[in-house]
Amino acid sequence: MALQTRTAGVLWGLSLCCILIAGLWPFGHPPNDVMWVANQNAVRFESHATLLSTAPLFSESVGSCSIEMLLRPRLSDGSGTFLGFYDLSGVVGLSLHQYLTDLRVDREISRGKPAKMYVRDVFSAGKAVFLTVVSGPSGTTVYLNGSRVRQVSEFKSSSPCSGRFVVGDSPKTQDTWEGQLEGLAMYRDELPAEQVLLNYLSWRTTGRPAEAIGGILAALYLFDERDGKLIRDHRESGVNLSIPERYMVVQETLYESPWSAFQPTRDWVKDVLINVAGFMPFGFTLSALLRCSGWKRSGVFTVLGGLVLSLTIEGLQAYLPTRDSDLTDVLTNTLGTWLGVVLHQQWIRWSP
């Protein structure tokens, strides 16, 4: 019995070490993977990258806004957030995402619960796309290379571009978009369709929006510095973009709710299965260790141990910018622990 207890203890210790490494690696903050593109007015975002606004875009609440971005995605099947607004209370405003080849526009309708709008077949690997998003009380309209591709009147917001903003990543979670950004402009009003087309043609020929739009132009980033840690706003508003030395997430979420984290994607299902399978050895070996040590209700204490371990790891992940703190993982880890207990009980039953 002593040998069995030692063996179970060693195996449980190994499973615990593997879980801690898998759950908390890499430790600390990796370098910020924002790089200037050689001989171009552009920056490139790689695996862990972010640009941060140095101040809120508007000093007062603005009911409408328009956003222009000249993007060149690295992947056709990639995903990530390339622009997101947030305020100090933790509410995320309008955010723009690549989802495979599609554009996804999000706005938060209640804390942690976004409404989503999709535009199909926007992105292709290495191909530049000029994107215009116009949003306000009358709804949201998306233009691609100067042409309107979708309009949803129900997708409306009272202040879509309020607060500070993050470029190339999400304000609340690690969701870096990979590709090049070659131009960004923001306006304090809804641009009409004819002005959107005029601006697109102007960006193509001069590398900037039409001069006639200057009155409502709130911020303009041309990325013509080509070096350094600060990207200047050419409208002299003082809302520059900084390039931090280390990668960071400005508003990490602690224990994100399952309904907020859910995504109907293959990657989400894969993550769930990995989290269940990853805790099954922990449940099996801890159940064996407690049983060999003479504990009563070893199965119950094993499941509680898996729950506490998962809560601890997810709590620590809130302080690691490359990891996400998620209650879905707590549920799946606990399920995996319970399945490990069941397997151990079946193994005992069928052992000679």
Protein backbone atom coordinates (compact mmCIF):
# COMPACT_ATOMS: atom_id res chain seq x y z
CA MET A 1 0.00 0.00 0.00
CA ALA A 2 2.88 2.40 0.80
CA LEU A 3 4.34 1.80 -2.67
CA GLN A 4 0.98 2.47 -4.28
CA THR A 5 0.64 5.69 -2.29
CA ARG A 6 4.11 6.90 -3.34
CA THR A 7 3.44 6.02 -6.97
CA ALA A 8 0.09 7.83 -6.95
CA GLY A 9 1.76 10.82 -5.27
CA VAL A 10 4.49 11.04 -7.90
CA LEU A 11 2.00 10.77 -10.77
CA TRP A 12 -0.27 13.37 -9.18
CA GLY A 13 2.69 15.72 -8.69
CA LEU A 14 3.65 15.34 -12.35
CA SER A 15 0.10 16.06 -13.51
CA LEU A 16 -0.06 19.12 -11.24
CA CYS A 17 3.24 20.49 -12.61
CA CYS A 18 2.07 19.97 -16.20
CA ILE A 19 -1.20 21.80 -15.49
CA LEU A 20 0.56 24.75 -13.83
CA ILE A 21 3.03 25.12 -16.69
CA ALA A 22 0.32 24.81 -19.35
CA GLY A 23 -1.97 27.23 -17.51
CA LEU A 24 0.54 29.95 -16.63
CA TRP A 25 3.17 29.83 -19.38
CA PRO A 26 4.60 32.18 -20.57
CA PHE A 27 5.18 33.98 -17.29
CA GLY A 28 5.35 37.78 -17.37
CA HIS A 29 4.95 40.23 -20.24
CA PRO A 30 6.53 39.35 -23.62
CA PRO A 31 7.97 42.03 -25.93
CA ASN A 32 5.44 44.10 -27.88
CA ASP A 33 5.51 42.77 -31.46
CA VAL A 34 4.75 46.06 -33.23
CA MET A 35 7.34 46.76 -35.93
CA TRP A 36 7.85 49.51 -38.45
CA VAL A 37 7.69 48.28 -42.04
CA ALA A 38 10.90 49.10 -43.91
CA ASN A 39 10.59 51.92 -46.46
CA GLN A 40 6.82 52.23 -45.96
CA ASN A 41 4.45 54.36 -43.91
CA ALA A 42 3.09 51.38 -42.00
CA VAL A 43 3.40 49.28 -38.86
CA ARG A 44 3.17 45.50 -38.67
CA PHE A 45 1.43 43.57 -35.88
CA GLU A 46 2.66 40.09 -35.02
CA SER A 47 1.71 37.53 -32.34
CA HIS A 48 1.54 39.83 -29.26
CA ALA A 49 1.17 43.44 -30.37
CA THR A 50 -0.71 46.58 -29.38
CA LEU A 51 -0.87 50.36 -29.86
CA LEU A 52 -2.43 52.48 -27.11
CA SER A 53 -4.03 55.91 -27.41
CA THR A 54 -2.48 58.46 -25.05
CA ALA A 55 -5.87 60.06 -24.24
CA PRO A 56 -9.59 59.70 -25.04
CA LEU A 57 -10.48 60.52 -28.63
CA PHE A 58 -13.17 63.03 -27.61
CA SER A 59 -13.31 65.14 -24.45
CA GLU A 60 -17.13 65.08 -24.57
CA SER A 61 -19.73 62.51 -25.57
CA VAL A 62 -20.12 62.34 -29.37
CA GLY A 63 -23.21 60.64 -30.77
CA SER A 64 -21.75 59.61 -34.14
CA CYS A 65 -18.37 58.77 -35.58
CA SER A 66 -16.69 57.38 -38.68
CA ILE A 67 -13.52 55.31 -38.90
CA GLU A 68 -11.24 54.79 -41.91
CA MET A 69 -8.51 52.15 -41.88
CA LEU A 70 -6.10 50.98 -44.57
CA LEU A 71 -5.30 47.37 -43.64
CA ARG A 72 -3.29 44.50 -45.08
CA PRO A 73 -4.02 41.22 -43.21
CA ARG A 74 -1.33 38.56 -42.96
CA LEU A 75 -3.78 35.65 -43.07
CA SER A 76 -7.06 34.89 -44.84
CA ASP A 77 -8.08 32.51 -42.05
CA GLY A 78 -6.84 34.66 -39.16
CA SER A 79 -8.80 36.31 -36.41
CA GLY A 80 -8.16 39.24 -34.11
CA THR A 81 -9.22 42.71 -33.01
CA PHE A 82 -7.70 45.64 -34.90
CA LEU A 83 -9.52 48.48 -33.13
CA GLY A 84 -11.40 48.72 -29.83
CA PHE A 85 -12.72 51.58 -27.69
CA TYR A 86 -13.03 51.37 -23.91
CA ASP A 87 -13.63 53.58 -20.88
CA LEU A 88 -12.22 53.50 -17.36
CA SER A 89 -15.35 51.79 -16.00
CA GLY A 90 -14.51 48.68 -18.01
CA VAL A 91 -17.17 49.03 -20.71
CA VAL A 92 -15.94 48.26 -24.22
CA GLY A 93 -17.48 50.41 -26.95
CA LEU A 94 -17.28 49.86 -30.69
CA SER A 95 -14.68 47.29 -31.77
CA LEU A 96 -13.60 45.97 -35.18
CA HIS A 97 -12.38 42.41 -35.79
CA GLN A 98 -11.17 40.07 -38.49
CA TYR A 99 -12.97 36.73 -38.29
CA LEU A 100 -11.44 34.49 -40.98
CA THR A 101 -12.25 36.37 -44.21
CA ASP A 102 -15.11 38.33 -42.61
CA LEU A 103 -15.31 41.65 -40.80
CA ARG A 104 -17.05 41.61 -37.42
CA VAL A 105 -18.24 44.81 -35.75
CA ASP A 106 -19.06 44.59 -32.03
CA ARG A 107 -20.74 46.97 -29.64
CA GLU A 108 -21.47 46.26 -26.00
CA ILE A 109 -25.21 46.31 -25.22
CA SER A 110 -24.72 45.39 -21.55
CA ARG A 111 -21.63 44.77 -19.47
CA GLY A 112 -19.76 41.87 -21.06
CA LYS A 113 -22.43 41.12 -23.67
CA PRO A 114 -21.71 42.38 -27.22
CA ALA A 115 -24.01 42.71 -30.20
CA LYS A 116 -22.30 41.56 -33.39
CA MET A 117 -22.56 42.51 -37.03
CA TYR A 118 -20.80 40.57 -39.82
CA VAL A 119 -19.68 41.54 -43.32
CA ARG A 120 -18.58 38.61 -45.45
CA ASP A 121 -15.50 38.23 -47.66
CA VAL A 122 -13.62 41.37 -46.67
CA PHE A 123 -10.11 40.07 -45.98
CA SER A 124 -7.59 38.20 -48.10
CA ALA A 125 -3.99 37.44 -47.13
CA GLY A 126 -1.58 40.18 -48.20
CA LYS A 127 -4.26 42.21 -49.99
CA ALA A 128 -4.79 45.82 -48.93
CA VAL A 129 -8.34 46.81 -48.02
CA PHE A 130 -9.68 50.30 -47.29
CA LEU A 131 -12.36 49.97 -44.64
CA THR A 132 -14.84 52.65 -43.57
CA VAL A 133 -17.23 52.13 -40.64
CA VAL A 134 -19.89 54.78 -39.98
CA SER A 135 -21.85 54.43 -36.74
CA GLY A 136 -24.33 56.43 -34.70
CA PRO A 137 -27.98 56.69 -33.62
CA SER A 138 -29.16 55.92 -37.18
CA GLY A 139 -27.31 52.60 -37.32
CA THR A 140 -24.02 51.29 -38.68
CA THR A 141 -22.82 51.24 -42.29
CA VAL A 142 -19.72 49.50 -43.62
CA TYR A 143 -17.91 50.52 -46.81
CA LEU A 144 -15.23 48.51 -48.59
CA ASN A 145 -12.88 50.42 -50.91
CA GLY A 146 -15.37 53.29 -51.05
CA SER A 147 -18.44 51.16 -51.82
CA ARG A 148 -21.21 50.40 -49.33
CA VAL A 149 -21.38 46.67 -48.55
CA ARG A 150 -23.72 46.52 -45.56
CA GLN A 151 -26.04 48.80 -43.57
CA VAL A 152 -27.89 47.78 -40.39
CA SER A 153 -30.19 50.44 -38.95
CA GLU A 154 -30.79 48.39 -35.76
CA PHE A 155 -27.05 48.27 -35.01
CA LYS A 156 -26.92 51.69 -33.37
CA SER A 157 -25.05 53.35 -30.53
CA SER A 158 -25.34 56.66 -28.69
CA SER A 159 -21.55 57.13 -28.35
CA PRO A 160 -19.71 54.50 -30.42
CA CYS A 161 -16.24 56.07 -30.27
CA SER A 162 -16.11 57.34 -26.71
CA GLY A 163 -13.14 56.79 -24.42
CA ARG A 164 -9.63 55.63 -25.16
CA PHE A 165 -8.85 53.08 -27.84
CA VAL A 166 -6.48 50.22 -28.64
CA VAL A 167 -5.17 49.50 -32.14
CA GLY A 168 -4.15 45.99 -33.18
CA ASP A 169 -5.58 44.22 -30.15
CA SER A 170 -8.54 44.05 -27.76
CA PRO A 171 -8.75 46.27 -24.66
CA LYS A 172 -9.91 43.36 -22.47
CA THR A 173 -8.20 40.20 -23.72
CA GLN A 174 -5.27 38.97 -25.78
CA ASP A 175 -6.64 39.05 -29.33
CA THR A 176 -3.89 40.47 -31.52
CA TRP A 177 -4.67 41.03 -35.18
CA GLU A 178 -1.78 40.07 -37.49
CA GLY A 179 -1.05 42.26 -40.48
CA GLN A 180 -0.07 45.77 -41.55
CA LEU A 181 -1.81 49.05 -40.77
CA GLU A 182 -1.05 51.76 -43.33
CA GLY A 183 -3.49 54.52 -42.37
CA LEU A 184 -6.10 55.44 -39.76
CA ALA A 185 -8.54 58.36 -39.58
CA MET A 186 -11.45 59.08 -37.23
CA TYR A 187 -14.26 61.62 -37.58
CA ARG A 188 -16.72 63.18 -35.14
CA ASP A 189 -19.74 62.61 -37.41
CA GLU A 190 -21.29 60.15 -39.86
CA LEU A 191 -19.69 60.52 -43.29
CA PRO A 192 -22.11 60.51 -46.26
CA ALA A 193 -21.55 57.94 -48.99
CA GLU A 194 -20.16 60.46 -51.48
CA GLN A 195 -17.56 61.64 -48.95
CA VAL A 196 -16.55 58.06 -48.19
CA LEU A 197 -15.83 57.48 -51.88
CA LEU A 198 -14.00 60.81 -52.19
CA ASN A 199 -11.82 59.95 -49.19
CA TYR A 200 -11.03 56.50 -50.58
CA LEU A 201 -9.85 58.01 -53.86
CA SER A 202 -7.82 60.60 -51.95
CA TRP A 203 -6.15 57.93 -49.78
CA ARG A 204 -5.21 56.03 -52.96
CA THR A 205 -3.60 59.03 -54.65
CA THR A 206 -2.25 61.17 -51.78
CA GLY A 207 -2.06 58.79 -48.80
CA ARG A 208 -4.50 60.86 -46.73
CA PRO A 209 -8.21 61.84 -46.68
CA ALA A 210 -9.62 64.70 -48.75
CA GLU A 211 -8.76 68.16 -47.42
CA ALA A 212 -12.42 69.25 -47.54
CA ILE A 213 -13.21 66.92 -44.64
CA GLY A 214 -10.88 68.68 -42.22
CA GLY A 215 -13.64 70.26 -40.12
CA ILE A 216 -14.88 66.99 -38.62
CA LEU A 217 -11.61 65.06 -38.78
CA ALA A 218 -10.82 64.16 -35.16
CA ALA A 219 -7.62 62.13 -35.54
CA LEU A 220 -5.30 61.20 -38.41
CA TYR A 221 -2.42 58.73 -38.26
CA LEU A 222 -0.26 58.44 -41.38
CA PHE A 223 2.54 56.32 -39.84
CA ASP A 224 5.13 58.46 -41.61
CA GLU A 225 7.47 58.56 -38.59
CA ARG A 226 8.93 55.18 -39.70
CA ASP A 227 10.73 54.86 -36.36
CA GLY A 228 10.33 55.44 -32.64
CA LYS A 229 7.75 54.62 -29.97
CA LEU A 230 5.18 57.34 -30.72
CA ILE A 231 2.82 57.71 -33.68
CA ARG A 232 1.73 61.32 -34.06
CA ASP A 233 -1.81 62.52 -34.63
CA HIS A 234 -1.62 64.89 -37.61
CA ARG A 235 -4.70 66.77 -36.40
CA GLU A 236 -2.73 68.11 -33.40
CA SER A 237 -5.38 66.92 -30.95
CA GLY A 238 -2.72 65.40 -28.73
CA VAL A 239 -4.23 61.90 -28.98
CA ASN A 240 -1.11 60.12 -30.17
CA LEU A 241 -0.51 56.37 -30.31
CA SER A 242 2.19 54.87 -28.12
CA ILE A 243 4.09 51.64 -28.73
CA PRO A 244 4.77 50.05 -25.31
CA GLU A 245 8.06 48.20 -24.86
CA ARG A 246 6.24 45.16 -23.44
CA TYR A 247 2.97 43.65 -24.55
CA MET A 248 0.02 44.45 -22.28
CA VAL A 249 -3.77 44.22 -22.11
CA VAL A 250 -5.15 47.47 -20.68
CA GLN A 251 -8.27 46.04 -19.00
CA GLU A 252 -7.78 42.35 -18.26
CA THR A 253 -11.01 40.56 -17.37
CA LEU A 254 -11.16 38.47 -14.19
CA TYR A 255 -13.29 35.34 -14.64
CA GLU A 256 -15.02 36.21 -17.92
CA SER A 257 -18.53 34.77 -17.99
CA PRO A 258 -19.22 31.68 -20.16
CA TRP A 259 -21.90 33.47 -22.23
CA SER A 260 -19.50 36.30 -22.98
CA ALA A 261 -16.58 34.02 -23.87
CA PHE A 262 -18.65 31.64 -26.01
CA GLN A 263 -17.88 31.58 -29.73
CA PRO A 264 -19.49 29.14 -32.19
CA THR A 265 -16.13 28.21 -33.68
CA ARG A 266 -13.96 25.13 -34.06
CA ASP A 267 -11.24 26.76 -31.95
CA TRP A 268 -13.68 27.27 -29.05
CA VAL A 269 -14.73 23.61 -29.16
CA LYS A 270 -11.07 22.55 -29.36
CA ASP A 271 -10.25 24.69 -26.32
CA VAL A 272 -13.12 23.12 -24.34
CA LEU A 273 -11.96 19.59 -25.18
CA ILE A 274 -8.36 20.41 -24.24
CA ASN A 275 -9.46 21.83 -20.89
CA VAL A 276 -11.55 18.76 -20.11
CA ALA A 277 -8.84 16.29 -21.15
CA GLY A 278 -6.08 18.25 -19.41
CA PHE A 279 -7.61 17.80 -15.95
CA MET A 280 -8.56 14.13 -16.30
CA PRO A 281 -5.08 12.85 -15.27
CA PHE A 282 -5.21 15.22 -12.28
CA GLY A 283 -8.58 13.79 -11.21
CA PHE A 284 -7.46 10.19 -11.74
CA THR A 285 -4.16 10.48 -9.83
CA LEU A 286 -5.48 12.63 -6.97
CA SER A 287 -8.41 10.27 -6.49
CA ALA A 288 -5.94 7.35 -6.35
CA LEU A 289 -3.67 9.21 -3.91
CA LEU A 290 -6.48 10.11 -1.51
CA ARG A 291 -7.95 6.62 -1.67
CA CYS A 292 -4.56 5.01 -0.95
CA SER A 293 -4.12 7.46 1.95
CA GLY A 294 -7.38 6.29 3.49
CA TRP A 295 -9.52 9.38 2.79
CA LYS A 296 -13.25 8.91 2.86
CA ARG A 297 -15.21 10.58 0.04
CA SER A 298 -11.98 10.82 -1.96
CA GLY A 299 -13.96 11.52 -5.14
CA VAL A 300 -15.71 14.56 -3.66
CA PHE A 301 -12.46 16.03 -2.33
CA THR A 302 -10.74 15.39 -5.65
CA VAL A 303 -13.40 17.32 -7.60
CA LEU A 304 -13.18 20.16 -5.06
CA GLY A 305 -9.40 20.14 -5.48
CA GLY A 306 -9.76 20.46 -9.24
CA LEU A 307 -12.20 23.34 -8.81
CA VAL A 308 -9.88 25.22 -6.43
CA LEU A 309 -6.86 24.63 -8.67
CA SER A 310 -8.71 25.89 -11.75
CA LEU A 311 -10.02 28.98 -9.93
CA THR A 312 -6.47 29.75 -8.77
CA ILE A 313 -4.98 29.40 -12.25
CA GLU A 314 -7.72 31.48 -13.88
CA GLY A 315 -7.30 34.16 -11.21
CA LEU A 316 -3.55 34.36 -11.88
CA GLN A 317 -4.17 34.46 -15.63
CA ALA A 318 -5.89 37.83 -15.19
CA TYR A 319 -2.41 39.25 -14.51
CA LEU A 320 -0.78 37.57 -17.52
CA PRO A 321 -1.48 39.46 -20.78
CA THR A 322 -1.05 36.39 -22.98
CA ARG A 323 -3.69 34.38 -21.07
CA ASP A 324 -7.44 34.83 -20.56
CA SER A 325 -9.23 34.46 -17.22
CA ASP A 326 -12.37 32.53 -18.07
CA LEU A 327 -15.08 30.78 -16.05
CA THR A 328 -15.69 28.43 -18.97
CA ASP A 329 -12.26 26.97 -18.28
CA VAL A 330 -13.17 26.53 -14.60
CA LEU A 331 -16.29 24.56 -15.57
CA THR A 332 -14.49 22.39 -18.13
CA ASN A 333 -11.51 21.78 -15.83
CA THR A 334 -13.85 20.69 -13.04
CA LEU A 335 -15.68 18.41 -15.47
CA GLY A 336 -12.35 16.90 -16.51
CA THR A 337 -11.43 16.30 -12.86
CA TRP A 338 -14.75 14.52 -12.27
CA LEU A 339 -14.25 12.35 -15.37
CA GLY A 340 -10.81 11.43 -14.02
CA VAL A 341 -12.43 10.34 -10.75
CA VAL A 342 -14.98 8.24 -12.66
CA LEU A 343 -12.21 6.57 -14.67
CA HIS A 344 -10.31 5.77 -11.47
CA GLN A 345 -13.40 4.24 -9.89
CA GLN A 346 -13.99 2.13 -13.00
CA TRP A 347 -10.34 1.08 -13.00
CA ILE A 348 -10.66 -0.11 -9.38
CA ARG A 349 -13.85 -1.98 -10.19
CA TRP A 350 -12.30 -3.90 -13.08
CA SER A 351 -8.86 -4.44 -11.54
CA PRO A 352 -8.19 -8.00 -10.29
